[in-house]
């Protein structure tokens, strides 16, 4: 069997290869946003009424980068320290897992579990849309 691609098709494939990094970033960010929004929503549900808002403000999505194996990825989490010098990651972990004096109030794991399928579907949707745009179909 022989497949003969025309110049136009070869050009579209070339454009797709050129844009693949941007497509991957767009897909990963779309999925990360779905998960991050649910985590933030869950966080507000477990915080006490006396919360300062510093922990929620420190939450975000890191830049999308490649790892050592050239896989695109990002991280969702807490950054920095509160006004008393306590790492926000430590405070989030104490909420999620509990401490010897505080019961656990999970907000990350339930969010990840609840959004896993939607995040995957979002990545597939973005990739499909971008391929259709590039390939013209």
Protein backbone atom coordinates (compact mmCIF):
# COMPACT_ATOMS: atom_id res chain seq x y z
CA UNK A 1 0.00 0.00 0.00
CA UNK A 2 1.31 3.42 -0.89
CA UNK A 3 0.28 6.68 0.68
CA UNK A 4 1.05 9.82 -1.25
CA UNK A 5 0.61 13.02 0.69
CA UNK A 6 0.25 16.22 -1.19
CA UNK A 7 2.33 19.28 -0.46
CA UNK A 8 -0.60 20.91 1.32
CA UNK A 9 -1.01 17.96 3.70
CA UNK A 10 2.73 17.86 4.38
CA UNK A 11 2.63 21.58 5.18
CA UNK A 12 -0.23 21.04 7.65
CA UNK A 13 1.68 18.23 9.36
CA UNK A 14 4.72 20.47 9.58
CA UNK A 15 2.63 23.24 11.17
CA UNK A 16 1.17 20.76 13.63
CA UNK A 17 4.66 19.62 14.65
CA UNK A 18 5.79 23.24 15.01
CA UNK A 19 2.82 24.09 17.24
CA UNK A 20 2.86 20.91 19.31
CA UNK A 21 4.54 22.52 22.33
CA UNK A 22 1.98 25.33 22.48
CA UNK A 23 -0.87 22.86 22.04
CA UNK A 24 0.48 20.74 24.91
CA UNK A 25 0.81 23.79 27.17
CA UNK A 26 -2.73 24.93 26.38
CA UNK A 27 -4.14 21.47 27.10
CA UNK A 28 -2.23 21.09 30.37
CA UNK A 29 -3.21 24.54 31.59
CA UNK A 30 -6.88 23.86 30.81
CA UNK A 31 -6.80 20.66 32.85
CA UNK A 32 -4.79 22.23 35.69
CA UNK A 33 -7.28 25.09 35.93
CA UNK A 34 -10.17 22.67 36.40
CA UNK A 35 -8.36 20.89 39.24
CA UNK A 36 -7.09 24.13 40.81
CA UNK A 37 -10.54 25.72 40.80
CA UNK A 38 -11.98 22.71 42.63
CA UNK A 39 -9.13 22.66 45.17
CA UNK A 40 -9.63 26.36 45.88
CA UNK A 41 -13.37 25.85 46.27
CA UNK A 42 -12.81 22.94 48.66
CA UNK A 43 -10.23 24.97 50.59
CA UNK A 44 -12.75 27.71 51.29
CA UNK A 45 -15.08 25.00 52.62
CA UNK A 46 -12.58 23.74 55.22
CA UNK A 47 -11.15 27.05 56.42
CA UNK A 48 -12.46 28.51 59.66
CA UNK A 49 -14.23 31.84 59.82
CA UNK A 50 -11.10 33.31 61.46
CA UNK A 51 -8.90 32.49 58.44
CA UNK A 52 -6.86 35.45 57.20
CA UNK A 53 -7.06 34.50 53.53
CA UNK A 54 -3.28 34.26 53.23
CA UNK A 55 -3.34 30.52 52.53
CA UNK A 56 -5.92 30.84 49.75
CA UNK A 57 -4.03 33.77 48.25
CA UNK A 58 -0.83 31.71 48.09
CA UNK A 59 -2.47 29.01 45.98
CA UNK A 60 -1.82 28.82 42.25
CA UNK A 61 -0.59 27.03 39.14
CA UNK A 62 3.14 27.03 38.39
CA UNK A 63 4.61 27.69 34.95
CA UNK A 64 4.31 24.81 32.51
CA UNK A 65 7.73 23.31 31.82
CA UNK A 66 9.33 20.16 30.48
CA UNK A 67 10.96 17.66 32.79
CA UNK A 68 14.13 15.65 32.19
CA UNK A 69 12.23 13.24 29.90
CA UNK A 70 10.81 16.11 27.79
CA UNK A 71 7.31 15.64 29.25
CA UNK A 72 5.26 18.79 29.74
CA UNK A 73 3.88 19.32 33.24
CA UNK A 74 2.94 21.85 35.87
CA UNK A 75 2.38 21.93 39.59
CA UNK A 76 -0.60 23.15 41.55
CA UNK A 77 0.05 24.25 45.10
CA UNK A 78 0.89 26.76 47.76
CA UNK A 79 3.80 29.17 47.72
CA UNK A 80 5.52 31.38 50.24
CA UNK A 81 5.00 32.05 53.92
CA UNK A 82 2.23 33.59 55.99
CA UNK A 83 2.66 36.81 57.98
CA UNK A 84 4.06 34.83 60.91
CA UNK A 85 6.70 33.07 58.80
CA UNK A 86 4.94 29.69 58.59
CA UNK A 87 5.28 27.99 55.18
CA UNK A 88 1.92 27.91 53.40
CA UNK A 89 2.67 24.39 52.15
CA UNK A 90 2.97 23.24 55.77
CA UNK A 91 -0.34 24.85 56.70
CA UNK A 92 -2.07 23.22 53.73
CA UNK A 93 -0.59 19.84 54.62
CA UNK A 94 -1.80 20.21 58.22
CA UNK A 95 -5.32 20.89 56.96
CA UNK A 96 -5.22 18.01 54.48
CA UNK A 97 -3.70 15.36 56.76
CA UNK A 98 -4.39 16.70 60.24
CA UNK A 99 -2.01 17.04 63.16
CA UNK A 100 -1.83 15.61 66.66
CA UNK A 101 -4.11 18.44 67.82
CA UNK A 102 -6.20 19.07 64.70
CA UNK A 103 -8.40 16.61 62.80
CA UNK A 104 -7.77 16.23 59.10
CA UNK A 105 -9.91 18.28 56.75
CA UNK A 106 -9.04 16.96 53.29
CA UNK A 107 -9.58 19.35 50.42
CA UNK A 108 -6.90 18.42 47.84
CA UNK A 109 -7.45 14.67 47.40
CA UNK A 110 -11.26 14.99 47.07
CA UNK A 111 -10.79 17.74 44.47
CA UNK A 112 -8.31 15.69 42.45
CA UNK A 113 -10.57 12.64 42.57
CA UNK A 114 -13.64 14.65 41.60
CA UNK A 115 -12.01 16.42 38.64
CA UNK A 116 -9.74 13.73 37.18
CA UNK A 117 -12.13 12.71 34.40
CA UNK A 118 -13.09 16.33 33.56
CA UNK A 119 -9.44 17.39 33.42
CA UNK A 120 -8.55 14.52 31.10
CA UNK A 121 -11.55 15.31 28.89
CA UNK A 122 -10.50 18.96 28.75
CA UNK A 123 -7.01 18.04 27.57
CA UNK A 124 -8.44 15.77 24.88
CA UNK A 125 -10.89 18.50 23.80
CA UNK A 126 -8.18 21.16 23.54
CA UNK A 127 -5.84 18.88 21.59
CA UNK A 128 -8.63 17.81 19.21
CA UNK A 129 -9.67 21.44 18.62
CA UNK A 130 -6.12 22.59 17.98
CA UNK A 131 -5.40 19.69 15.60
CA UNK A 132 -8.61 20.45 13.69
CA UNK A 133 -7.67 24.13 13.46
CA UNK A 134 -4.20 23.30 12.19
CA UNK A 135 -5.26 20.54 9.83
CA UNK A 136 -8.31 22.44 8.60
CA UNK A 137 -10.94 19.86 9.32
